[in-house]
Amino acid sequence: MAATGDPHALGQLLRSRRERLTPADVGLPAGPGRRAVGLRREEVAQLAYLSTAYYTFLEQGRPVRPTSQVLDALASALQMSGAERRYLQVLAHGRDAEAVRADERQVEQVDAAVTDLVHRLDPDPTLIKGRRWDVLLANAAARELFDDWAALPSGQRNLVHWMFATNRARDVYVDWEAEARAMLGRFRLAAARHPDDPGFAELIATLHRESPQVREWWPRHDVTAIGNGTKKLRHPQHGPLDYTHVVLQVADHPDQTLVTYRPASA
């Protein structure tokens, strides 16, 4: 098989698995007067947290290159077996899922000079976030205040995922709901600037699967501008404190952002 995969065969596989399922199989109501064989396309898209148009392109065999996370979401929605999941990945990419994920793990790199600056800013908690808000680097003070990002699984080293999917974030942010809404609004604005980046689509789908707040708030289309300000954070040793924070863009890598915090009383 060619290294680029076989989009036509991929579309056939998706359609065949869609048609073998019923709404009852996936917990959806059939509705009166239903004539469709199996699930509808929009139902599969809903279950996988994708747009109907994007899923339709895949099923039509158009040259759309889905990532392994998108394919995993579709495989779960279509109740595929382990072998079917591997086959799906091969049809999409011409190789197995682990090889694809290895490529996707080649994340942004932080320059040595920026790395040195982040560590020199200790004891002020400082971190670097990437274009999709992955935490690329954090100094010791930031790891103590927020979380030990390096110890988390690679797919969870993301500020937005951490905010909505962990109890730790609810401990750190004294007014968690307000801060979570604001962060989601800022992330939404960042995602809108990269409409064709599949990494954003994957993360948004994951957030929808794992967070009822995201499922409730995302349809409202609230956005928030990124800027400096003050937050009340709960330090594990010193308790709740007001922190001022400054947000700076990395000149040589404009998709990377440095965020540094300092207790307001310091």
Protein backbone atom coordinates (compact mmCIF):
# COMPACT_ATOMS: atom_id res chain seq x y z
CA MET A 1 0.00 0.00 0.00
CA ALA A 2 1.21 3.49 -0.78
CA ALA A 3 2.62 5.52 2.06
CA THR A 4 -0.18 8.04 1.70
CA GLY A 5 -2.89 5.48 2.37
CA ASP A 6 -6.05 4.74 0.41
CA PRO A 7 -8.77 7.39 1.03
CA HIS A 8 -11.27 5.57 -1.22
CA ALA A 9 -10.97 2.34 0.75
CA LEU A 10 -11.06 4.33 3.98
CA GLY A 11 -14.39 5.84 2.95
CA GLN A 12 -15.76 2.41 2.09
CA LEU A 13 -14.73 1.05 5.48
CA LEU A 14 -16.37 3.94 7.33
CA ARG A 15 -19.58 3.56 5.35
CA SER A 16 -19.76 -0.19 5.87
CA ARG A 17 -19.28 0.14 9.63
CA ARG A 18 -21.78 3.01 9.81
CA GLU A 19 -24.43 0.94 8.01
CA ARG A 20 -24.05 -2.05 10.30
CA LEU A 21 -24.99 -0.09 13.43
CA THR A 22 -28.42 1.03 14.59
CA PRO A 23 -29.26 4.05 16.74
CA ALA A 24 -30.03 1.70 19.62
CA ASP A 25 -26.50 0.28 19.39
CA VAL A 26 -25.01 3.68 20.24
CA GLY A 27 -27.70 4.98 22.58
CA LEU A 28 -29.49 7.27 20.12
CA PRO A 29 -33.27 7.43 19.54
CA ALA A 30 -34.42 6.02 16.21
CA GLY A 31 -37.17 8.59 15.75
CA PRO A 32 -40.45 8.04 13.86
CA GLY A 33 -40.50 7.06 10.18
CA ARG A 34 -36.79 6.34 9.97
CA ARG A 35 -35.71 4.86 6.63
CA ALA A 36 -31.93 5.20 6.75
CA VAL A 37 -29.88 2.00 6.82
CA GLY A 38 -27.73 2.00 9.93
CA LEU A 39 -26.57 5.30 11.35
CA ARG A 40 -26.78 8.60 9.50
CA ARG A 41 -23.57 10.46 8.71
CA GLU A 42 -24.50 13.29 11.03
CA GLU A 43 -25.00 10.80 13.86
CA VAL A 44 -21.51 9.36 13.41
CA ALA A 45 -20.08 12.86 13.29
CA GLN A 46 -21.93 13.74 16.48
CA LEU A 47 -20.62 10.66 18.28
CA ALA A 48 -17.03 11.42 17.21
CA TYR A 49 -17.35 15.19 17.89
CA LEU A 50 -16.57 16.06 14.27
CA SER A 51 -18.42 18.26 11.82
CA THR A 52 -20.79 16.43 9.50
CA ALA A 53 -19.03 18.00 6.51
CA TYR A 54 -15.62 16.71 7.63
CA TYR A 55 -16.94 13.20 8.22
CA THR A 56 -18.72 13.26 4.85
CA PHE A 57 -15.47 14.16 3.11
CA LEU A 58 -13.81 11.17 4.74
CA GLU A 59 -16.57 8.79 3.73
CA GLN A 60 -16.58 10.13 0.17
CA GLY A 61 -12.89 9.28 -0.14
CA ARG A 62 -11.73 12.84 -0.56
CA PRO A 63 -8.02 13.53 0.09
CA VAL A 64 -8.53 14.54 3.71
CA ARG A 65 -5.71 13.42 6.02
CA PRO A 66 -7.19 12.66 9.46
CA THR A 67 -4.85 12.26 12.41
CA SER A 68 -4.70 9.14 14.52
CA GLN A 69 -6.76 10.80 17.27
CA VAL A 70 -9.57 11.63 14.84
CA LEU A 71 -9.49 8.06 13.59
CA ASP A 72 -9.56 6.75 17.16
CA ALA A 73 -12.67 8.84 17.83
CA LEU A 74 -14.35 7.45 14.70
CA ALA A 75 -13.33 3.90 15.60
CA SER A 76 -14.91 4.32 19.03
CA ALA A 77 -18.07 5.84 17.55
CA LEU A 78 -18.36 2.97 15.06
CA GLN A 79 -17.52 0.32 17.70
CA MET A 80 -14.60 -1.08 15.73
CA SER A 81 -12.54 -4.01 16.93
CA GLY A 82 -8.82 -3.77 17.57
CA ALA A 83 -8.02 -5.20 14.16
CA GLU A 84 -10.44 -2.81 12.47
CA ARG A 85 -8.82 0.13 14.27
CA ARG A 86 -5.38 -0.87 12.96
CA TYR A 87 -6.81 -1.34 9.47
CA LEU A 88 -8.43 2.10 9.66
CA GLN A 89 -5.08 3.68 10.51
CA VAL A 90 -3.32 1.88 7.68
CA LEU A 91 -5.96 2.94 5.14
CA ALA A 92 -5.61 6.54 6.31
CA HIS A 93 -1.83 6.75 6.54
CA GLY A 94 -0.35 3.72 4.83
CA ARG A 95 1.23 2.64 8.13
CA ASP A 96 0.17 1.67 11.59
CA ALA A 97 -1.11 3.96 14.32
CA GLU A 98 2.04 3.89 16.41
CA ALA A 99 4.14 5.20 13.53
CA VAL A 100 1.64 8.00 12.96
CA ARG A 101 1.60 8.90 16.64
CA ALA A 102 5.40 8.96 16.67
CA ASP A 103 5.31 11.67 14.01
CA GLU A 104 2.66 13.61 15.90
CA ARG A 105 4.76 13.52 19.06
CA GLN A 106 7.41 15.63 17.33
CA VAL A 107 6.26 18.70 19.22
CA GLU A 108 7.54 22.24 19.07
CA GLN A 109 11.02 22.85 20.41
CA VAL A 110 11.99 25.67 22.78
CA ASP A 111 15.22 27.53 21.95
CA ALA A 112 18.10 27.16 24.38
CA ALA A 113 18.15 30.89 25.20
CA VAL A 114 14.43 30.85 26.04
CA THR A 115 14.91 27.72 28.14
CA ASP A 116 17.67 29.47 30.08
CA LEU A 117 15.44 32.51 30.65
CA VAL A 118 12.58 30.40 31.99
CA HIS A 119 14.84 28.74 34.53
CA ARG A 120 16.50 32.02 35.51
CA LEU A 121 13.07 33.48 36.32
CA ASP A 122 12.69 30.92 39.12
CA PRO A 123 11.34 31.40 41.85
CA ASP A 124 8.70 33.19 39.76
CA PRO A 125 6.52 30.45 38.22
CA THR A 126 7.13 30.60 34.47
CA LEU A 127 6.15 28.38 31.58
CA ILE A 128 6.15 28.24 27.78
CA LYS A 129 3.01 27.16 25.97
CA GLY A 130 2.84 26.18 22.31
CA ARG A 131 0.40 26.95 19.56
CA ARG A 132 -2.20 24.46 20.85
CA TRP A 133 -1.44 25.39 24.47
CA ASP A 134 0.77 22.40 25.15
CA VAL A 135 3.13 23.11 28.04
CA LEU A 136 6.51 22.92 26.33
CA LEU A 137 8.61 23.97 29.33
CA ALA A 138 8.02 24.95 32.97
CA ASN A 139 10.48 25.93 35.68
CA ALA A 140 10.52 24.36 39.14
CA ALA A 141 8.30 27.05 40.66
CA ALA A 142 5.66 26.57 37.95
CA ARG A 143 5.71 22.82 38.43
CA GLU A 144 5.24 23.28 42.16
CA LEU A 145 2.38 25.76 41.77
CA PHE A 146 0.51 24.10 38.89
CA ASP A 147 1.62 20.55 38.11
CA ASP A 148 4.64 18.48 37.17
CA TRP A 149 3.94 18.61 33.46
CA ALA A 150 6.86 16.37 32.52
CA ALA A 151 5.44 13.60 34.72
CA LEU A 152 2.09 13.63 32.89
CA PRO A 153 1.44 11.41 29.84
CA SER A 154 2.49 13.24 26.67
CA GLY A 155 -1.10 13.69 25.48
CA GLN A 156 -2.06 15.43 28.73
CA ARG A 157 0.63 18.11 28.86
CA ASN A 158 -1.83 20.72 27.71
CA LEU A 159 -3.11 23.67 29.73
CA VAL A 160 -6.69 23.51 28.50
CA HIS A 161 -6.96 19.74 28.96
CA TRP A 162 -5.38 20.08 32.41
CA MET A 163 -7.83 22.84 33.35
CA PHE A 164 -10.91 20.80 32.51
CA ALA A 165 -9.83 17.21 33.07
CA THR A 166 -7.96 17.30 36.39
CA ASN A 167 -8.90 17.91 39.99
CA ARG A 168 -5.54 19.62 40.46
CA ALA A 169 -6.68 22.60 38.38
CA ARG A 170 -9.72 23.02 40.60
CA ASP A 171 -7.43 23.12 43.62
CA VAL A 172 -5.04 25.66 42.11
CA TYR A 173 -7.58 28.12 40.71
CA VAL A 174 -9.57 29.53 43.62
CA ASP A 175 -12.32 30.76 41.26
CA TRP A 176 -12.10 27.77 38.96
CA GLU A 177 -15.27 28.31 36.94
CA ALA A 178 -14.49 31.91 35.99
CA GLU A 179 -10.91 31.05 35.11
CA ALA A 180 -11.93 27.97 33.14
CA ARG A 181 -14.48 29.96 31.12
CA ALA A 182 -11.86 32.61 30.37
CA MET A 183 -9.25 30.04 29.36
CA LEU A 184 -11.70 28.29 27.05
CA GLY A 185 -12.54 31.64 25.46
CA ARG A 186 -8.85 32.39 24.88
CA PHE A 187 -8.26 28.92 23.49
CA ARG A 188 -11.25 29.24 21.19
CA LEU A 189 -9.77 32.41 19.72
CA ALA A 190 -6.44 30.64 19.18
CA ALA A 191 -8.19 27.70 17.49
CA ALA A 192 -10.07 30.05 15.17
CA ARG A 193 -6.73 31.31 13.85
CA HIS A 194 -5.79 27.76 12.77
CA PRO A 195 -8.97 26.34 11.21
CA ASP A 196 -7.08 23.69 9.22
CA ASP A 197 -4.88 22.44 12.06
CA PRO A 198 -6.06 18.90 12.92
CA GLY A 199 -4.37 19.14 16.31
CA PHE A 200 -6.92 21.71 17.43
CA ALA A 201 -9.78 19.52 16.18
CA GLU A 202 -8.39 16.56 18.11
CA LEU A 203 -8.04 18.52 21.32
CA ILE A 204 -11.49 20.07 21.02
CA ALA A 205 -12.99 16.61 20.46
CA THR A 206 -11.15 15.27 23.52
CA LEU A 207 -12.36 18.18 25.64
CA HIS A 208 -15.94 17.56 24.56
CA ARG A 209 -15.66 13.88 25.44
CA GLU A 210 -14.14 14.48 28.86
CA SER A 211 -15.71 17.70 30.14
CA PRO A 212 -19.41 18.50 30.60
CA GLN A 213 -18.48 22.16 31.05
CA VAL A 214 -16.86 22.27 27.60
CA ARG A 215 -19.91 20.59 26.09
CA GLU A 216 -22.09 23.26 27.68
CA TRP A 217 -19.90 26.33 27.08
CA TRP A 218 -18.36 25.68 23.66
CA PRO A 219 -21.59 26.23 21.66
CA ARG A 220 -21.88 29.73 23.14
CA HIS A 221 -18.90 30.95 21.08
CA ASP A 222 -17.52 33.08 23.94
CA VAL A 223 -14.02 34.40 23.29
CA THR A 224 -11.55 36.15 25.57
CA ALA A 225 -8.46 38.15 24.65
CA ILE A 226 -5.05 37.09 25.97
CA GLY A 227 -3.41 39.64 28.25
CA ASN A 228 -1.68 40.42 31.51
CA GLY A 229 -3.63 40.48 34.76
CA THR A 230 -4.11 39.08 38.25
CA LYS A 231 -5.29 35.65 39.37
CA LYS A 232 -5.96 34.13 42.77
CA LEU A 233 -4.09 30.84 42.93
CA ARG A 234 -3.70 28.34 45.75
CA HIS A 235 -0.05 27.50 46.35
CA PRO A 236 0.49 24.05 47.91
CA GLN A 237 2.74 25.55 50.62
CA HIS A 238 1.52 29.15 51.03
CA GLY A 239 -2.20 28.82 50.39
CA PRO A 240 -4.34 31.26 48.34
CA LEU A 241 -2.40 34.22 46.94
CA ASP A 242 -3.01 36.92 44.35
CA TYR A 243 -0.55 36.55 41.47
CA THR A 244 0.15 39.09 38.75
CA HIS A 245 1.01 37.49 35.43
CA VAL A 246 2.70 38.76 32.28
CA VAL A 247 2.24 37.17 28.85
CA LEU A 248 5.02 37.54 26.26
CA GLN A 249 5.29 36.25 22.70
CA VAL A 250 8.53 34.47 21.75
CA ALA A 251 9.93 36.52 18.86
CA ASP A 252 11.50 33.68 16.86
CA HIS A 253 8.51 31.37 17.43
CA PRO A 254 5.38 33.56 17.47
CA ASP A 255 3.13 30.57 18.22
CA GLN A 256 4.96 30.12 21.53
CA THR A 257 4.04 32.21 24.57
CA LEU A 258 5.93 32.82 27.81
CA VAL A 259 3.74 33.31 30.89
CA THR A 260 5.34 34.32 34.17
CA TYR A 261 3.67 34.79 37.58
CA ARG A 262 4.66 36.67 40.72
CA PRO A 263 2.81 37.05 44.05
CA ALA A 264 1.18 40.49 44.03
CA SER A 265 2.63 41.22 47.48
CA ALA A 266 6.23 40.48 46.38
